Protein backbone atom coordinates (compact mmCIF):
# COMPACT_ATOMS: atom_id res chain seq x y z
CA MET A 1 -14.64 26.68 24.31
CA LYS A 2 -17.77 25.13 25.92
CA ILE A 3 -20.12 27.63 27.62
CA GLY A 4 -22.58 26.20 30.13
CA VAL A 5 -25.71 28.26 30.40
CA LEU A 6 -28.67 28.48 33.00
CA SER A 7 -31.96 30.34 33.54
CA ASP A 8 -34.72 30.91 35.86
CA THR A 9 -33.44 28.17 38.69
CA HIS A 10 -36.01 30.01 40.91
CA LEU A 11 -34.59 28.74 44.01
CA GLN A 12 -33.80 30.08 47.34
CA LYS A 13 -30.69 28.23 48.11
CA VAL A 14 -28.43 25.34 46.87
CA GLU A 15 -29.90 22.28 46.63
CA THR A 16 -28.93 18.54 45.96
CA ARG A 17 -30.01 18.64 42.72
CA VAL A 18 -28.64 22.00 41.69
CA VAL A 19 -25.46 20.27 42.64
CA GLU A 20 -26.08 17.67 40.80
CA VAL A 21 -27.04 18.96 37.43
CA CYS A 22 -23.52 21.00 38.16
CA GLU A 23 -21.59 17.87 38.11
CA HIS A 24 -23.16 16.12 35.74
CA TYR A 25 -23.46 18.34 33.03
CA LEU A 26 -21.08 21.75 33.50
CA LYS A 27 -18.15 20.06 35.05
CA ASP A 28 -15.94 20.52 32.05
CA VAL A 29 -17.06 23.75 30.97
CA ASP A 30 -14.99 27.07 30.53
CA LEU A 31 -17.72 29.02 31.60
CA ILE A 32 -21.00 29.72 33.27
CA PHE A 33 -24.02 32.44 32.15
CA HIS A 34 -26.71 32.59 34.26
CA ALA A 35 -29.39 34.71 32.70
CA GLY A 36 -30.96 35.49 35.90
CA ASP A 37 -33.76 34.53 38.49
CA PHE A 38 -31.33 32.97 40.46
CA ILE A 39 -34.11 34.07 43.36
CA GLY A 40 -31.73 33.03 46.55
CA LYS A 41 -28.87 35.15 46.88
CA ASP A 42 -27.18 31.94 48.23
CA LEU A 43 -27.73 30.31 44.70
CA TRP A 44 -26.06 33.23 43.01
CA ALA A 45 -23.05 33.10 45.47
CA TYR A 46 -22.85 29.63 44.14
CA PHE A 47 -22.30 30.40 40.21
CA ASN A 48 -20.69 33.55 40.83
CA ARG A 49 -17.21 32.05 40.81
CA LYS A 50 -14.32 32.22 38.57
CA GLY A 51 -15.70 32.09 34.92
CA PHE A 52 -19.03 33.15 35.45
CA HIS A 53 -21.36 36.15 33.84
CA GLY A 54 -24.79 36.64 34.83
CA VAL A 55 -27.73 39.17 35.09
CA GLN A 56 -30.25 40.16 37.16
CA GLY A 57 -33.89 38.62 36.54
CA ASN A 58 -37.36 40.30 37.59
CA MET A 59 -37.49 37.68 40.62
CA ASP A 60 -34.02 38.19 42.20
CA HIS A 61 -33.55 38.62 45.77
CA PRO A 62 -32.82 42.97 46.03
CA GLU A 63 -28.96 41.84 46.91
CA VAL A 64 -28.51 39.81 43.58
CA LYS A 65 -30.11 42.87 42.07
CA ALA A 66 -27.83 45.41 43.43
CA ALA A 67 -24.70 43.30 42.13
CA LEU A 68 -25.65 42.35 38.88
CA PRO A 69 -26.42 44.29 36.00
CA VAL A 70 -29.80 44.22 33.80
CA LYS A 71 -27.66 43.31 30.52
CA LYS A 72 -24.26 42.47 29.87
CA VAL A 73 -21.98 42.23 26.38
CA ILE A 74 -19.23 39.45 26.64
CA GLN A 75 -16.57 39.43 24.16
CA ILE A 76 -15.09 35.97 23.68
CA ASP A 77 -12.87 35.65 20.58
CA ALA A 78 -14.19 37.12 17.47
CA TYR A 79 -17.79 37.03 18.76
CA ARG A 80 -19.94 39.03 20.90
CA LEU A 81 -22.61 37.41 22.96
CA GLY A 82 -25.30 39.34 24.73
CA LEU A 83 -26.74 38.20 28.09
CA ILE A 84 -30.15 39.26 29.35
CA HIS A 85 -33.10 37.99 31.08
CA GLY A 86 -35.99 39.94 29.52
CA TRP A 87 -39.68 40.65 30.56
CA GLY A 88 -43.19 40.69 29.65
CA ALA A 89 -45.52 37.85 28.26
CA PRO A 90 -43.30 35.06 26.52
CA ASP A 91 -44.66 35.58 23.12
CA LEU A 92 -42.51 38.18 21.36
CA ILE A 93 -39.86 38.10 24.07
CA GLU A 94 -37.01 37.97 21.28
CA ASP A 95 -38.33 41.18 19.53
CA ARG A 96 -38.65 43.49 22.98
CA ILE A 97 -34.62 42.26 23.90
CA SER A 98 -33.30 42.58 20.41
CA PRO A 99 -32.96 46.15 20.22
CA GLU A 100 -31.01 46.11 23.60
CA PHE A 101 -27.94 44.75 21.71
CA ASP A 102 -25.86 46.22 18.96
CA ASP A 103 -23.48 44.36 16.47
CA VAL A 104 -24.03 40.85 18.93
CA ASP A 105 -23.38 37.58 17.43
CA VAL A 106 -25.63 35.66 20.36
CA ILE A 107 -28.40 36.79 22.59
CA VAL A 108 -28.68 34.57 25.87
CA TYR A 109 -31.97 35.40 27.36
CA GLY A 110 -34.17 33.45 30.07
CA HIS A 111 -37.55 34.81 31.55
CA SER A 112 -40.03 33.02 29.44
CA HIS A 113 -39.05 29.62 30.89
CA ARG A 114 -39.04 28.13 27.18
CA ALA A 115 -36.23 26.85 25.53
CA ALA A 116 -34.81 28.55 22.21
CA ASN A 117 -31.94 27.99 19.98
CA HIS A 118 -32.21 29.08 16.33
CA LEU A 119 -31.20 31.63 14.35
CA LYS A 120 -32.90 35.22 13.21
CA ASP A 121 -31.58 37.79 11.44
CA GLY A 122 -28.05 36.27 11.66
CA VAL A 123 -27.94 36.38 15.24
CA LEU A 124 -28.33 33.12 17.35
CA PHE A 125 -31.22 33.62 20.09
CA PHE A 126 -30.65 31.06 22.97
CA ASN A 127 -32.75 30.24 25.85
CA PRO A 128 -31.67 27.37 28.00
CA GLY A 129 -35.27 26.97 29.38
CA ALA A 130 -36.25 26.71 33.24
CA ALA A 131 -33.43 24.91 35.05
CA PHE A 132 -35.90 23.98 37.99
CA GLY A 133 -39.34 24.85 39.47
CA TYR A 134 -41.83 26.07 36.80
CA SER A 135 -41.22 25.09 33.03
CA SER A 136 -44.00 26.18 30.31
CA SER A 137 -43.10 23.11 28.31
CA GLY A 138 -43.50 20.66 31.28
CA ALA A 139 -39.56 19.90 31.18
CA HIS A 140 -36.43 20.98 32.97
CA SER A 141 -33.41 22.36 30.74
CA ILE A 142 -29.75 23.95 30.67
CA GLY A 143 -27.84 24.89 27.23
CA LEU A 144 -24.51 24.59 26.28
CA LEU A 145 -22.84 26.83 24.09
CA HIS A 146 -19.99 25.54 21.74
CA ILE A 147 -17.55 28.13 20.42
CA GLY A 148 -15.31 27.10 17.64
CA GLU A 149 -15.14 28.08 13.93
CA HIS A 150 -18.86 28.92 14.46
CA ILE A 151 -21.24 28.99 17.75
CA GLN A 152 -23.66 26.08 18.29
CA GLY A 153 -26.23 26.25 20.88
CA GLU A 154 -27.29 23.06 22.25
CA ILE A 155 -30.57 22.42 24.80
CA ILE A 156 -30.00 19.82 27.24
CA ARG A 157 -33.18 18.02 29.28
CA ILE A 158 -32.19 17.39 32.58
């Protein structure tokens, strides 16, 4: 199974570059996760199709916040994946979000605008980085999670 992962899109509406990224990098994914800060309700509606899981971010439109949870756990085969946006300063964000989940294999998060893909205490911490708008590294990225015998994350610069 392949999951496309985005966060921090920070757009009011669906722009050509969003469609291009989805058609190029996410055309063959089984699911799409979005870790918050869509910003506009039109962008949320674009992603909110079959095979979609999302959470609200701190910058989202009130209608998006009303429709999406703050955090979510998704069961895929034998794996449990936590999905959350995050809060506060980018440093130590993983220490703040980790207690929000019990017994998960992966924590997918956003907010920091920094891509991350590493194991910590047996949990894969995965942040696709900022898809559009401000990026702390100066680069924009999305992610892929490959689920098979193991779970592997992949960061893709766009």
